[in-house]
Each structure stands twice: as structure tokens, then as C-alpha cells.
Amino acid sequence: MPEDLTAAELRILDAVEREGSFSAAASKLGLTQSAISHSVRVVERKLGAVLFERGRHGARATAAGARAVMHGRGVLRLLGVLRADAQAASGGELSTKLRIAAFRSAAAQLLPSALRRLTTRHRQLSYDVAIVRDIDDGTAAEVVAGRADLAIVNLPHRLPAGTGLVGGTLVDEPYVLIHPAGEDDPRSLPVIDWQENCSTETKAWFRSQEWLPPATITVADDTVLLAMVAHGLGMAVVPLTIAADRAPGVVVEDLGPAAPRRTIGYLATPELARSTAVRELVRELRAERTSSPPNPSDTDGGGDDPGIMMGPWREEQ
């Protein structure tokens, strides 16, 4: 019968992959390098595969090692969830660290109030929030790799087949026009865009607007975009959530019912999606935008729209 891996062995695999060498992993875990090396050899024997390439530059995970580390992180996380949920179900405090991956505007505008309300009810919760650019697999890749429990994503979001993630809608919001105050003809200003504004549907809308020329300035981050608009360098068409971060003197203009929209949702593994901490966070994130309708004049946006989202993952029930 194949030998099972221990939690201690899984933690060693995780540390070696994160730190990039046996010596650094040993320092991280308070063990000797020889103990780390021995443990990795034992795991490789148990699995029948080489997990790390050893060399002068440290230890690099092989394809088998990357898969083992990913699944190992999932197992370790589920052990923590098991403990936290069992204690909460028996009447104790929900006590765990909730790991969240989010792109900047969602982290800035959606998370603070939701986490404040969640912490009021569950004072033993702690949070690790990673800000990840919304490019390619973006925040979802953090969940796939086992580094996050929940990813806040722009929908629809497509992932490589086999990820098995579940998710749902959090916010549906319109795009608005922002420009410096005091402009007689703001739509004549140069257009500023940012690299994360990559929705196919949104770009098609941009191209269909005769008044909206191609971007004159493209930046890597929406905070830079907001600063440039504030300094009078141009106008921008952005989701309402991003417009909420605008500086004084920047005007928000409604683009009407034909404006493009952005849907923000979440993704998680099926197991973590059922955990108490993730379900409570999703409930608070949805409450964040269901309390008031979108209104560009005061930059408070978005109702909850269950929607239908596309991709190789399924809508959580």
C-alpha cells in the first residue's frame, strides 16, 4: 500500500518551492538543511517522482513537483479549514486566516467595508490580501496555485481546463466617463487607458464610439490613470468602482443605458467555497453593493446581479 504524506512533509515541499532552495527552506522552518533534503528524498520515494531539480542556483520544482506542491497546499489549507469550521460549529470563535487575491480597485473599494463588518462578527479572523494585476489568469492563478482561498475577478473569466473552480457574481456596475472639472468640451480631450482594461466587450464598445478616439496615453495601473486625469492630461472611461477613487476636481459623467458594464465576481475551489470563512466573506461582499443602486453622481455603485458567467468553472449553488 502506498505511504501517505504527512502534513510536515507537505509544509517542507511548500517551503522549498517558495524559498527556492533547501537552505532557505530550512531557515524558514527552523530545521537543518540535511533534514529538508532527507524529507524531500523520502517524499520523492513515496510518490515515485523527482520533485525538485537541484543545482548551484537552488531547487526548482519539476512539473511533478509543481503539481505536488499545488495539491499539498490545498491539503494543508483544508486541514486548517477543518479545524476552524469544527471549532465554530461547536460554538467557538471562527478563527483562521482568510487569504484573498484581488485586483487593486476591488481591494480598495469592496474589501475594506466588507472585512470591517466580517471582523465585527468574527473577531478572531485575520486576513492576507494579495494585490494582483488583472492580466491573463490574474488573481485566479493564486487560487489555482494554492496561494489564495478566494480570488476576486472580472467576469467572464476563462481559465485553463481542469481547474475545477466554482464562483459567483458580486457586483455589476457601469462604466462612466471621468474628466477634469472646468472643461467646456471634455469629450475633445485625449483618451487615457490602462493595460488591465482588457475586456473584449468593452474594447468593442470603445471602437464603436465615434467621439472616442484611440488612447493617447496607456498606463500600467489605474491609479496612474486617475492621477493623470486629475492633472488635466485627458479623459478616461472607467468602471464606477475605479471612479470612486478619483481626486477632488475630477468629474464623473454618466454614459447612459448603452454604456458598457463590468461584472466583478469571485472564484474558489469547491472545498474552500463551502468553508465558513469564505461563505461569510462572499455574503459581505455582496451586501456591499446591494445596499444602494448605481449612481455616478455620488460614485456609489452596483447592485447584485446573479448573472450567468462563462468559463471552465461552475456557478456555486
C-alpha atoms as a PDB file:
ATOM      1  CA  MET A   1       0.000   0.000   0.000  1.00  0.00           C
ATOM      2  CA  PRO A   2       1.413   3.449  -0.932  1.00  0.00           C
ATOM      3  CA  GLU A   3       2.594   5.511   2.010  1.00  0.00           C
ATOM      4  CA  ASP A   4       0.646   8.714   2.756  1.00  0.00           C
ATOM      5  CA  LEU A   5       2.461  12.006   3.015  1.00  0.00           C
ATOM      6  CA  THR A   6       2.444  13.787   6.349  1.00  0.00           C
ATOM      7  CA  ALA A   7       1.470  17.400   6.931  1.00  0.00           C
ATOM      8  CA  ALA A   8       5.063  18.113   7.948  1.00  0.00           C
ATOM      9  CA  GLU A   9       6.300  16.788   4.596  1.00  0.00           C
ATOM     10  CA  LEU A  10       3.778  18.928   2.719  1.00  0.00           C
ATOM     11  CA  ARG A  11       4.957  22.016   4.613  1.00  0.00           C
ATOM     12  CA  ILE A  12       8.544  21.237   3.603  1.00  0.00           C
ATOM     13  CA  LEU A  13       7.582  20.937  -0.081  1.00  0.00           C
ATOM     14  CA  ASP A  14       5.748  24.249   0.154  1.00  0.00           C
ATOM     15  CA  ALA A  15       8.718  25.964   1.801  1.00  0.00           C
ATOM     16  CA  VAL A  16      11.265  24.633  -0.718  1.00  0.00           C
ATOM     17  CA  GLU A  17       9.128  25.810  -3.650  1.00  0.00           C
ATOM     18  CA  ARG A  18       8.502  29.237  -2.120  1.00  0.00           C
ATOM     19  CA  GLU A  19      12.075  29.855  -0.960  1.00  0.00           C
ATOM     20  CA  GLY A  20      13.807  28.339  -3.980  1.00  0.00           C
ATOM     21  CA  SER A  21      16.440  26.355  -2.076  1.00  0.00           C
ATOM     22  CA  PHE A  22      16.797  23.730   0.605  1.00  0.00           C
ATOM     23  CA  SER A  23      18.905  26.015   2.805  1.00  0.00           C
ATOM     24  CA  ALA A  24      16.380  28.872   2.665  1.00  0.00           C
ATOM     25  CA  ALA A  25      13.522  26.455   3.400  1.00  0.00           C
ATOM     26  CA  ALA A  26      15.484  25.087   6.364  1.00  0.00           C
ATOM     27  CA  SER A  27      15.941  28.617   7.731  1.00  0.00           C
ATOM     28  CA  LYS A  28      12.260  29.375   7.210  1.00  0.00           C
ATOM     29  CA  LEU A  29      11.104  26.257   9.067  1.00  0.00           C
ATOM     30  CA  GLY A  30      13.800  26.207  11.735  1.00  0.00           C
ATOM     31  CA  LEU A  31      15.268  22.913  10.520  1.00  0.00           C
ATOM     32  CA  THR A  32      18.649  21.831   9.217  1.00  0.00           C
ATOM     33  CA  GLN A  33      19.367  21.657   5.507  1.00  0.00           C
ATOM     34  CA  SER A  34      20.091  17.949   5.799  1.00  0.00           C
ATOM     35  CA  ALA A  35      16.659  17.388   7.393  1.00  0.00           C
ATOM     36  CA  ILE A  36      14.995  19.221   4.490  1.00  0.00           C
ATOM     37  CA  SER A  37      16.988  17.247   1.927  1.00  0.00           C
ATOM     38  CA  HIS A  38      16.183  13.944   3.623  1.00  0.00           C
ATOM     39  CA  SER A  39      12.471  14.775   3.816  1.00  0.00           C
ATOM     40  CA  VAL A  40      12.300  15.690   0.126  1.00  0.00           C
ATOM     41  CA  ARG A  41      14.021  12.421  -0.829  1.00  0.00           C
ATOM     42  CA  VAL A  42      11.510  10.498   1.304  1.00  0.00           C
ATOM     43  CA  VAL A  43       8.572  12.256  -0.393  1.00  0.00           C
ATOM     44  CA  GLU A  44      10.063  11.612  -3.836  1.00  0.00           C
ATOM     45  CA  ARG A  45      10.371   7.931  -2.946  1.00  0.00           C
ATOM     46  CA  LYS A  46       6.767   7.815  -1.718  1.00  0.00           C
ATOM     47  CA  LEU A  47       5.465   9.473  -4.891  1.00  0.00           C
ATOM     48  CA  GLY A  48       7.847   7.818  -7.315  1.00  0.00           C
ATOM     49  CA  ALA A  49       8.795  11.093  -8.983  1.00  0.00           C
ATOM     50  CA  VAL A  50      11.574  13.684  -8.854  1.00  0.00           C
ATOM     51  CA  LEU A  51      10.042  16.866  -7.419  1.00  0.00           C
ATOM     52  CA  PHE A  52      12.935  19.333  -7.499  1.00  0.00           C
ATOM     53  CA  GLU A  53      15.896  19.954  -9.774  1.00  0.00           C
ATOM     54  CA  ARG A  54      18.907  20.597  -7.550  1.00  0.00           C
ATOM     55  CA  GLY A  55      21.701  22.851  -8.746  1.00  0.00           C
ATOM     56  CA  ARG A  56      24.024  25.715  -7.965  1.00  0.00           C
ATOM     57  CA  HIS A  57      21.122  28.128  -8.113  1.00  0.00           C
ATOM     58  CA  GLY A  58      18.954  26.281  -5.605  1.00  0.00           C
ATOM     59  CA  ALA A  59      15.983  23.968  -6.076  1.00  0.00           C
ATOM     60  CA  ARG A  60      13.441  24.380  -8.874  1.00  0.00           C
ATOM     61  CA  ALA A  61      10.200  22.392  -8.929  1.00  0.00           C
ATOM     62  CA  THR A  62       9.796  19.929 -11.768  1.00  0.00           C
ATOM     63  CA  ALA A  63       6.401  19.514 -13.439  1.00  0.00           C
ATOM     64  CA  ALA A  64       5.668  16.737 -10.945  1.00  0.00           C
ATOM     65  CA  GLY A  65       6.920  18.915  -8.102  1.00  0.00           C
ATOM     66  CA  ALA A  66       4.721  21.843  -9.113  1.00  0.00           C
ATOM     67  CA  ARG A  67       1.653  19.589  -9.084  1.00  0.00           C
ATOM     68  CA  ALA A  68       2.637  18.044  -5.764  1.00  0.00           C
ATOM     69  CA  VAL A  69       3.155  21.475  -4.177  1.00  0.00           C
ATOM     70  CA  MET A  70      -0.178  22.768  -5.532  1.00  0.00           C
ATOM     71  CA  HIS A  71      -2.128  19.788  -4.152  1.00  0.00           C
ATOM     72  CA  GLY A  72      -0.126  19.846  -0.935  1.00  0.00           C
ATOM     73  CA  ARG A  73      -1.060  23.452  -0.288  1.00  0.00           C
ATOM     74  CA  GLY A  74      -4.686  22.542  -0.843  1.00  0.00           C
ATOM     75  CA  VAL A  75      -4.464  19.709   1.673  1.00  0.00           C
ATOM     76  CA  LEU A  76      -2.784  21.921   4.271  1.00  0.00           C
ATOM     77  CA  ARG A  77      -5.388  24.619   3.773  1.00  0.00           C
ATOM     78  CA  LEU A  78      -8.227  22.121   4.151  1.00  0.00           C
ATOM     79  CA  LEU A  79      -6.730  20.871   7.400  1.00  0.00           C
ATOM     80  CA  GLY A  80      -6.863  24.434   8.687  1.00  0.00           C
ATOM     81  CA  VAL A  81     -10.435  24.861   7.429  1.00  0.00           C
ATOM     82  CA  LEU A  82     -11.456  21.593   9.069  1.00  0.00           C
ATOM     83  CA  ARG A  83     -10.153  22.792  12.413  1.00  0.00           C
ATOM     84  CA  ALA A  84     -11.668  26.281  12.134  1.00  0.00           C
ATOM     85  CA  ASP A  85     -15.097  25.115  10.957  1.00  0.00           C
ATOM     86  CA  ALA A  86     -15.317  22.349  13.550  1.00  0.00           C
ATOM     87  CA  GLN A  87     -14.500  24.786  16.352  1.00  0.00           C
ATOM     88  CA  ALA A  88     -17.037  27.315  15.035  1.00  0.00           C
ATOM     89  CA  ALA A  89     -19.727  24.621  14.680  1.00  0.00           C
ATOM     90  CA  SER A  90     -19.192  23.613  18.297  1.00  0.00           C
ATOM     91  CA  GLY A  91     -19.871  27.167  19.464  1.00  0.00           C
ATOM     92  CA  GLY A  92     -16.340  28.523  19.447  1.00  0.00           C
ATOM     93  CA  GLU A  93     -14.984  31.554  17.626  1.00  0.00           C
ATOM     94  CA  LEU A  94     -14.286  31.271  13.898  1.00  0.00           C
ATOM     95  CA  SER A  95     -10.509  31.624  13.958  1.00  0.00           C
ATOM     96  CA  THR A  96      -8.476  31.371  10.766  1.00  0.00           C
ATOM     97  CA  LYS A  97      -6.508  33.454   8.274  1.00  0.00           C
ATOM     98  CA  LEU A  98      -8.500  34.192   5.129  1.00  0.00           C
ATOM     99  CA  ARG A  99      -6.272  34.592   2.068  1.00  0.00           C
ATOM    100  CA  ILE A 100      -7.702  36.884  -0.608  1.00  0.00           C
ATOM    101  CA  ALA A 101      -6.321  37.749  -4.050  1.00  0.00           C
ATOM    102  CA  ALA A 102      -7.819  40.878  -5.620  1.00  0.00           C
ATOM    103  CA  PHE A 103      -7.052  43.449  -8.272  1.00  0.00           C
ATOM    104  CA  ARG A 104      -6.422  46.948  -6.951  1.00  0.00           C
ATOM    105  CA  SER A 105      -9.790  48.666  -7.422  1.00  0.00           C
ATOM    106  CA  ALA A 106     -11.716  45.736  -5.920  1.00  0.00           C
ATOM    107  CA  ALA A 107      -9.335  45.604  -2.969  1.00  0.00           C
ATOM    108  CA  ALA A 108      -9.637  49.348  -2.394  1.00  0.00           C
ATOM    109  CA  GLN A 109     -13.380  49.758  -2.850  1.00  0.00           C
ATOM    110  CA  LEU A 110     -15.023  46.422  -1.997  1.00  0.00           C
ATOM    111  CA  LEU A 111     -12.885  44.810   0.670  1.00  0.00           C
ATOM    112  CA  PRO A 112     -12.477  47.389   3.482  1.00  0.00           C
ATOM    113  CA  SER A 113     -16.150  47.704   4.484  1.00  0.00           C
ATOM    114  CA  ALA A 114     -16.836  44.020   3.929  1.00  0.00           C
ATOM    115  CA  LEU A 115     -13.886  42.999   6.107  1.00  0.00           C
ATOM    116  CA  ARG A 116     -14.849  45.519   8.792  1.00  0.00           C
ATOM    117  CA  ARG A 117     -18.346  44.015   9.070  1.00  0.00           C
ATOM    118  CA  LEU A 118     -16.982  40.476   8.965  1.00  0.00           C
ATOM    119  CA  THR A 119     -14.452  41.221  11.694  1.00  0.00           C
ATOM    120  CA  THR A 120     -17.199  42.705  13.871  1.00  0.00           C
ATOM    121  CA  ARG A 121     -18.911  39.301  13.886  1.00  0.00           C
ATOM    122  CA  HIS A 122     -15.787  37.136  13.857  1.00  0.00           C
ATOM    123  CA  ARG A 123     -13.065  38.908  15.810  1.00  0.00           C
ATOM    124  CA  GLN A 124     -10.603  36.032  15.560  1.00  0.00           C
ATOM    125  CA  LEU A 125     -10.409  36.190  11.759  1.00  0.00           C
ATOM    126  CA  SER A 126      -7.271  37.583  10.153  1.00  0.00           C
ATOM    127  CA  TYR A 127      -6.613  38.403   6.516  1.00  0.00           C
ATOM    128  CA  ASP A 128      -3.845  38.194   3.948  1.00  0.00           C
ATOM    129  CA  VAL A 129      -4.722  40.330   0.915  1.00  0.00           C
ATOM    130  CA  ALA A 130      -2.580  39.997  -2.219  1.00  0.00           C
ATOM    131  CA  ILE A 131      -2.926  42.651  -4.931  1.00  0.00           C
ATOM    132  CA  VAL A 132      -2.546  41.011  -8.333  1.00  0.00           C
ATOM    133  CA  ARG A 133      -2.799  42.703 -11.723  1.00  0.00           C
ATOM    134  CA  ASP A 134      -5.891  41.735 -13.710  1.00  0.00           C
ATOM    135  CA  ILE A 135      -3.944  40.392 -16.698  1.00  0.00           C
ATOM    136  CA  ASP A 136      -4.049  36.848 -18.119  1.00  0.00           C
ATOM    137  CA  ASP A 137      -5.130  34.470 -15.312  1.00  0.00           C
ATOM    138  CA  GLY A 138      -4.610  37.254 -12.758  1.00  0.00           C
ATOM    139  CA  THR A 139      -5.986  36.645  -9.298  1.00  0.00           C
ATOM    140  CA  ALA A 140      -7.477  33.259 -10.217  1.00  0.00           C
ATOM    141  CA  ALA A 141      -3.972  31.879 -10.686  1.00  0.00           C
ATOM    142  CA  GLU A 142      -3.372  32.480  -6.964  1.00  0.00           C
ATOM    143  CA  VAL A 143      -6.259  30.140  -6.105  1.00  0.00           C
ATOM    144  CA  VAL A 144      -5.148  27.533  -8.644  1.00  0.00           C
ATOM    145  CA  ALA A 145      -1.622  27.602  -7.168  1.00  0.00           C
ATOM    146  CA  GLY A 146      -2.970  27.261  -3.612  1.00  0.00           C
ATOM    147  CA  ARG A 147      -1.759  30.700  -2.506  1.00  0.00           C
ATOM    148  CA  ALA A 148      -5.257  32.183  -2.012  1.00  0.00           C
ATOM    149  CA  ASP A 149      -8.597  30.917  -0.705  1.00  0.00           C
ATOM    150  CA  LEU A 150     -10.685  33.276  -2.820  1.00  0.00           C
ATOM    151  CA  ALA A 151      -9.971  35.380  -5.900  1.00  0.00           C
ATOM    152  CA  ILE A 152     -11.897  38.488  -6.842  1.00  0.00           C
ATOM    153  CA  VAL A 153     -12.021  38.540 -10.644  1.00  0.00           C
ATOM    154  CA  ASN A 154     -13.538  40.364 -13.577  1.00  0.00           C
ATOM    155  CA  LEU A 155     -16.122  38.213 -15.325  1.00  0.00           C
ATOM    156  CA  PRO A 156     -16.418  36.409 -17.630  1.00  0.00           C
ATOM    157  CA  HIS A 157     -13.121  34.794 -16.659  1.00  0.00           C
ATOM    158  CA  ARG A 158     -11.627  31.920 -18.602  1.00  0.00           C
ATOM    159  CA  LEU A 159      -9.150  29.516 -17.081  1.00  0.00           C
ATOM    160  CA  PRO A 160      -7.279  26.505 -18.426  1.00  0.00           C
ATOM    161  CA  ALA A 161      -9.388  23.344 -18.411  1.00  0.00           C
ATOM    162  CA  GLY A 162      -9.232  21.207 -15.312  1.00  0.00           C
ATOM    163  CA  THR A 163      -9.068  23.922 -12.658  1.00  0.00           C
ATOM    164  CA  GLY A 164     -12.445  22.870 -11.236  1.00  0.00           C
ATOM    165  CA  LEU A 165     -13.137  26.233  -9.621  1.00  0.00           C
ATOM    166  CA  VAL A 166     -16.566  27.496  -8.606  1.00  0.00           C
ATOM    167  CA  GLY A 167     -17.693  31.078  -8.300  1.00  0.00           C
ATOM    168  CA  GLY A 168     -20.406  33.674  -8.489  1.00  0.00           C
ATOM    169  CA  THR A 169     -21.231  37.316  -9.100  1.00  0.00           C
ATOM    170  CA  LEU A 170     -20.524  40.059  -6.571  1.00  0.00           C
ATOM    171  CA  VAL A 171     -21.017  43.376  -8.383  1.00  0.00           C
ATOM    172  CA  ASP A 172     -22.396  44.554 -11.710  1.00  0.00           C
ATOM    173  CA  GLU A 173     -21.503  48.157 -12.472  1.00  0.00           C
ATOM    174  CA  PRO A 174     -21.498  50.603 -15.407  1.00  0.00           C
ATOM    175  CA  TYR A 175     -18.557  52.336 -16.990  1.00  0.00           C
ATOM    176  CA  VAL A 176     -18.518  56.128 -16.628  1.00  0.00           C
ATOM    177  CA  LEU A 177     -16.587  58.991 -18.161  1.00  0.00           C
ATOM    178  CA  ILE A 178     -14.191  60.893 -15.908  1.00  0.00           C
ATOM    179  CA  HIS A 179     -12.513  64.163 -16.817  1.00  0.00           C
ATOM    180  CA  PRO A 180     -11.052  67.273 -15.158  1.00  0.00           C
ATOM    181  CA  ALA A 181     -13.583  69.825 -13.942  1.00  0.00           C
ATOM    182  CA  GLY A 182     -13.952  73.099 -15.799  1.00  0.00           C
ATOM    183  CA  GLU A 183     -13.608  71.680 -19.315  1.00  0.00           C
ATOM    184  CA  ASP A 184     -16.049  73.192 -21.845  1.00  0.00           C
ATOM    185  CA  ASP A 185     -15.763  70.174 -24.144  1.00  0.00           C
ATOM    186  CA  PRO A 186     -14.383  67.263 -22.072  1.00  0.00           C
ATOM    187  CA  ARG A 187     -15.023  64.751 -24.863  1.00  0.00           C
ATOM    188  CA  SER A 188     -12.431  66.516 -27.002  1.00  0.00           C
ATOM    189  CA  LEU A 189      -9.658  65.680 -24.526  1.00  0.00           C
ATOM    190  CA  PRO A 190      -7.087  62.953 -25.188  1.00  0.00           C
ATOM    191  CA  VAL A 191      -8.070  59.481 -24.002  1.00  0.00           C
ATOM    192  CA  ILE A 192      -6.143  57.746 -21.212  1.00  0.00           C
ATOM    193  CA  ASP A 193      -6.428  53.973 -20.886  1.00  0.00           C
ATOM    194  CA  TRP A 194      -4.802  51.301 -18.696  1.00  0.00           C
ATOM    195  CA  GLN A 195      -3.485  47.856 -19.532  1.00  0.00           C
ATOM    196  CA  GLU A 196      -5.874  45.968 -17.248  1.00  0.00           C
ATOM    197  CA  ASN A 197      -8.881  47.363 -19.121  1.00  0.00           C
ATOM    198  CA  CYS A 198      -8.814  44.324 -21.395  1.00  0.00           C
ATOM    199  CA  SER A 199     -12.437  43.152 -21.679  1.00  0.00           C
ATOM    200  CA  THR A 200     -13.282  42.158 -25.268  1.00  0.00           C
ATOM    201  CA  GLU A 201     -16.810  43.519 -24.908  1.00  0.00           C
ATOM    202  CA  THR A 202     -15.559  46.841 -23.532  1.00  0.00           C
ATOM    203  CA  LYS A 203     -12.986  47.296 -26.264  1.00  0.00           C
ATOM    204  CA  ALA A 204     -15.682  46.591 -28.890  1.00  0.00           C
ATOM    205  CA  TRP A 205     -17.815  49.348 -27.329  1.00  0.00           C
ATOM    206  CA  PHE A 206     -14.833  51.717 -27.360  1.00  0.00           C
ATOM    207  CA  ARG A 207     -14.317  51.119 -31.079  1.00  0.00           C
ATOM    208  CA  SER A 208     -18.000  51.746 -31.816  1.00  0.00           C
ATOM    209  CA  GLN A 209     -17.978  55.246 -30.260  1.00  0.00           C
ATOM    210  CA  GLU A 210     -17.177  57.849 -32.919  1.00  0.00           C
ATOM    211  CA  TRP A 211     -16.498  60.509 -30.287  1.00  0.00           C
ATOM    212  CA  LEU A 212     -13.952  58.306 -28.517  1.00  0.00           C
ATOM    213  CA  PRO A 213     -10.586  58.265 -30.336  1.00  0.00           C
ATOM    214  CA  PRO A 214      -7.859  55.671 -29.684  1.00  0.00           C
ATOM    215  CA  ALA A 215      -5.983  56.150 -26.424  1.00  0.00           C
ATOM    216  CA  THR A 216      -3.240  58.765 -26.499  1.00  0.00           C
ATOM    217  CA  ILE A 217      -1.761  57.587 -23.190  1.00  0.00           C
ATOM    218  CA  THR A 218      -1.733  53.983 -21.939  1.00  0.00           C
ATOM    219  CA  VAL A 219      -0.543  53.265 -18.418  1.00  0.00           C
ATOM    220  CA  ALA A 220       0.056  50.082 -16.442  1.00  0.00           C
ATOM    221  CA  ASP A 221      -2.127  50.912 -13.442  1.00  0.00           C
ATOM    222  CA  ASP A 222      -5.488  52.586 -12.911  1.00  0.00           C
ATOM    223  CA  THR A 223      -4.114  54.700 -10.038  1.00  0.00           C
ATOM    224  CA  VAL A 224      -1.740  56.328 -12.530  1.00  0.00           C
ATOM    225  CA  LEU A 225      -4.679  56.865 -14.890  1.00  0.00           C
ATOM    226  CA  LEU A 226      -6.631  58.649 -12.144  1.00  0.00           C
ATOM    227  CA  ALA A 227      -3.647  60.859 -11.336  1.00  0.00           C
ATOM    228  CA  MET A 228      -3.226  61.827 -14.977  1.00  0.00           C
ATOM    229  CA  VAL A 229      -6.895  62.742 -15.327  1.00  0.00           C
ATOM    230  CA  ALA A 230      -6.648  64.796 -12.134  1.00  0.00           C
ATOM    231  CA  HIS A 231      -3.687  66.688 -13.642  1.00  0.00           C
ATOM    232  CA  GLY A 232      -5.662  67.559 -16.755  1.00  0.00           C
ATOM    233  CA  LEU A 233      -3.894  65.237 -19.185  1.00  0.00           C
ATOM    234  CA  GLY A 234      -7.080  63.728 -20.580  1.00  0.00           C
ATOM    235  CA  MET A 235     -10.330  61.876 -20.032  1.00  0.00           C
ATOM    236  CA  ALA A 236     -10.960  58.168 -19.372  1.00  0.00           C
ATOM    237  CA  VAL A 237     -13.804  55.675 -19.487  1.00  0.00           C
ATOM    238  CA  VAL A 238     -13.581  53.503 -16.365  1.00  0.00           C
ATOM    239  CA  PRO A 239     -15.779  51.274 -14.182  1.00  0.00           C
ATOM    240  CA  LEU A 240     -17.683  53.097 -11.470  1.00  0.00           C
ATOM    241  CA  THR A 241     -15.621  51.413  -8.738  1.00  0.00           C
ATOM    242  CA  ILE A 242     -12.417  52.921 -10.130  1.00  0.00           C
ATOM    243  CA  ALA A 243     -14.059  56.341 -10.477  1.00  0.00           C
ATOM    244  CA  ALA A 244     -14.773  56.257  -6.743  1.00  0.00           C
ATOM    245  CA  ASP A 245     -11.027  56.719  -6.154  1.00  0.00           C
ATOM    246  CA  ARG A 246     -10.901  59.951  -8.156  1.00  0.00           C
ATOM    247  CA  ALA A 247      -9.279  63.071  -6.772  1.00  0.00           C
ATOM    248  CA  PRO A 248     -11.245  66.241  -5.971  1.00  0.00           C
ATOM    249  CA  GLY A 249     -11.828  68.199  -9.151  1.00  0.00           C
ATOM    250  CA  VAL A 250     -12.407  65.135 -11.317  1.00  0.00           C
ATOM    251  CA  VAL A 251     -15.950  64.919 -12.686  1.00  0.00           C
ATOM    252  CA  VAL A 252     -17.910  61.678 -13.224  1.00  0.00           C
ATOM    253  CA  GLU A 253     -20.291  61.664 -16.195  1.00  0.00           C
ATOM    254  CA  ASP A 254     -22.986  59.045 -16.810  1.00  0.00           C
ATOM    255  CA  LEU A 255     -22.674  57.369 -20.224  1.00  0.00           C
ATOM    256  CA  GLY A 256     -26.322  56.355 -20.344  1.00  0.00           C
ATOM    257  CA  PRO A 257     -28.065  52.986 -20.660  1.00  0.00           C
ATOM    258  CA  ALA A 258     -25.875  51.866 -23.577  1.00  0.00           C
ATOM    259  CA  ALA A 259     -22.681  52.164 -21.522  1.00  0.00           C
ATOM    260  CA  PRO A 260     -20.585  49.022 -21.177  1.00  0.00           C
ATOM    261  CA  ARG A 261     -20.660  47.252 -17.838  1.00  0.00           C
ATOM    262  CA  ARG A 262     -18.190  45.370 -15.692  1.00  0.00           C
ATOM    263  CA  THR A 263     -19.113  42.330 -13.632  1.00  0.00           C
ATOM    264  CA  ILE A 264     -16.949  41.516 -10.636  1.00  0.00           C
ATOM    265  CA  GLY A 265     -17.135  38.031  -9.187  1.00  0.00           C
ATOM    266  CA  TYR A 266     -15.199  35.530  -7.134  1.00  0.00           C
ATOM    267  CA  LEU A 267     -13.602  32.130  -7.704  1.00  0.00           C
ATOM    268  CA  ALA A 268     -12.586  29.458  -5.199  1.00  0.00           C
ATOM    269  CA  THR A 269     -12.025  25.722  -5.059  1.00  0.00           C
ATOM    270  CA  PRO A 270     -15.234  23.793  -4.303  1.00  0.00           C
ATOM    271  CA  GLU A 271     -13.909  22.788  -0.883  1.00  0.00           C
ATOM    272  CA  LEU A 272     -12.925  26.299   0.189  1.00  0.00           C
ATOM    273  CA  ALA A 273     -16.098  27.793  -1.282  1.00  0.00           C
ATOM    274  CA  ARG A 274     -18.015  25.708   1.267  1.00  0.00           C
ATOM    275  CA  SER A 275     -15.882  26.863   4.190  1.00  0.00           C
ATOM    276  CA  THR A 276     -17.496  29.139   6.737  1.00  0.00           C
ATOM    277  CA  ALA A 277     -14.967  31.963   6.336  1.00  0.00           C
ATOM    278  CA  VAL A 278     -15.251  32.135   2.533  1.00  0.00           C
ATOM    279  CA  ARG A 279     -19.052  31.938   2.581  1.00  0.00           C
ATOM    280  CA  GLU A 280     -19.220  34.710   5.181  1.00  0.00           C
ATOM    281  CA  LEU A 281     -16.865  36.904   3.136  1.00  0.00           C
ATOM    282  CA  VAL A 282     -18.887  36.376  -0.055  1.00  0.00           C
ATOM    283  CA  ARG A 283     -22.049  37.326   1.833  1.00  0.00           C
ATOM    284  CA  GLU A 284     -20.469  40.583   2.991  1.00  0.00           C
ATOM    285  CA  LEU A 285     -19.038  41.403  -0.435  1.00  0.00           C
ATOM    286  CA  ARG A 286     -22.482  41.000  -1.958  1.00  0.00           C
ATOM    287  CA  ALA A 287     -24.040  43.122   0.772  1.00  0.00           C
ATOM    288  CA  GLU A 288     -21.511  45.846  -0.030  1.00  0.00           C
ATOM    289  CA  ARG A 289     -23.234  46.634  -3.327  1.00  0.00           C
ATOM    290  CA  THR A 290     -26.822  45.543  -2.757  1.00  0.00           C
ATOM    291  CA  SER A 291     -27.485  48.293  -0.240  1.00  0.00           C
ATOM    292  CA  SER A 292     -27.768  51.062  -2.862  1.00  0.00           C
ATOM    293  CA  PRO A 293     -28.228  51.339  -6.649  1.00  0.00           C
ATOM    294  CA  PRO A 294     -25.551  52.660  -9.035  1.00  0.00           C
ATOM    295  CA  ASN A 295     -25.376  56.435  -9.124  1.00  0.00           C
ATOM    296  CA  PRO A 296     -22.472  58.065 -10.966  1.00  0.00           C
ATOM    297  CA  SER A 297     -23.156  61.425  -9.371  1.00  0.00           C
ATOM    298  CA  ASP A 298     -22.036  60.138  -5.976  1.00  0.00           C
ATOM    299  CA  THR A 299     -19.886  57.221  -7.253  1.00  0.00           C
ATOM    300  CA  ASP A 300     -21.768  54.624  -5.233  1.00  0.00           C
ATOM    301  CA  GLY A 301     -22.362  51.670  -7.479  1.00  0.00           C
ATOM    302  CA  GLY A 302     -23.684  48.344  -8.359  1.00  0.00           C
ATOM    303  CA  GLY A 303     -26.493  46.028  -7.426  1.00  0.00           C
ATOM    304  CA  ASP A 304     -26.071  42.287  -7.146  1.00  0.00           C
ATOM    305  CA  ASP A 305     -26.889  40.507 -10.385  1.00  0.00           C
ATOM    306  CA  PRO A 306     -26.740  36.720 -10.268  1.00  0.00           C
ATOM    307  CA  GLY A 307     -25.852  36.692 -13.954  1.00  0.00           C
ATOM    308  CA  ILE A 308     -24.503  33.800 -15.962  1.00  0.00           C
ATOM    309  CA  MET A 309     -20.740  33.649 -16.207  1.00  0.00           C
ATOM    310  CA  MET A 310     -18.651  31.772 -18.689  1.00  0.00           C
ATOM    311  CA  GLY A 311     -15.537  29.684 -18.375  1.00  0.00           C
ATOM    312  CA  PRO A 312     -14.379  26.203 -17.370  1.00  0.00           C
ATOM    313  CA  TRP A 313     -15.728  26.551 -13.839  1.00  0.00           C
ATOM    314  CA  ARG A 314     -19.228  26.359 -12.452  1.00  0.00           C
ATOM    315  CA  GLU A 315     -21.561  28.735 -10.694  1.00  0.00           C
ATOM    316  CA  GLU A 316     -21.665  27.980  -6.979  1.00  0.00           C
ATOM    317  CA  GLN A 317     -25.076  26.950  -5.707  1.00  0.00           C
END
